[in-house]
Every structure is written in structure tokens, then in C-alpha cells.
Amino acid sequence: MLKLNALKQTRVYQEALEEGREEGKLSAVPLLLKAGITVEEIAEQLQINLDTVRKIAQQQT
């Protein structure tokens, strides 16, 4: 257990964790668009860049 806690404190672990969170947000965008939520609302609620959401929206059409 102690080794796991030490691992969680490493920069590599923290970066990987943040990358995973970001990927999760990005994968939710197409579903939210299909649900009729605007790109502005998606960007605001997921706290991601509006241009990123717009690019994903364009790829979906």
C-alpha cells in the first residue's frame, strides 16, 4: 500500500491521471451533442476549450 501511495505522488502518475480525465471529457462530447446540448454549454460544463468542442462537433457531421 505504501508503494502505491508513493506512485500516486509521482509526476508521471499525475500527468497520466490528468490525461485520462481529459480523454474522458472529450469522449463525452459527441454524446452530449447528440442529446442536443450546445457546444457552448458543453465547453462550459466540462471546462474544456470551446474550439476543441467545435472541432469535435464538425467531425461528427
Foldseek 3Di string as FASTA:
>chain_A
DVVVVVVCPDPVNVVVVVVVLVVVLLVCLVVVVVVVDDLVVSCVVSVHDSVSSVVVVVVVD
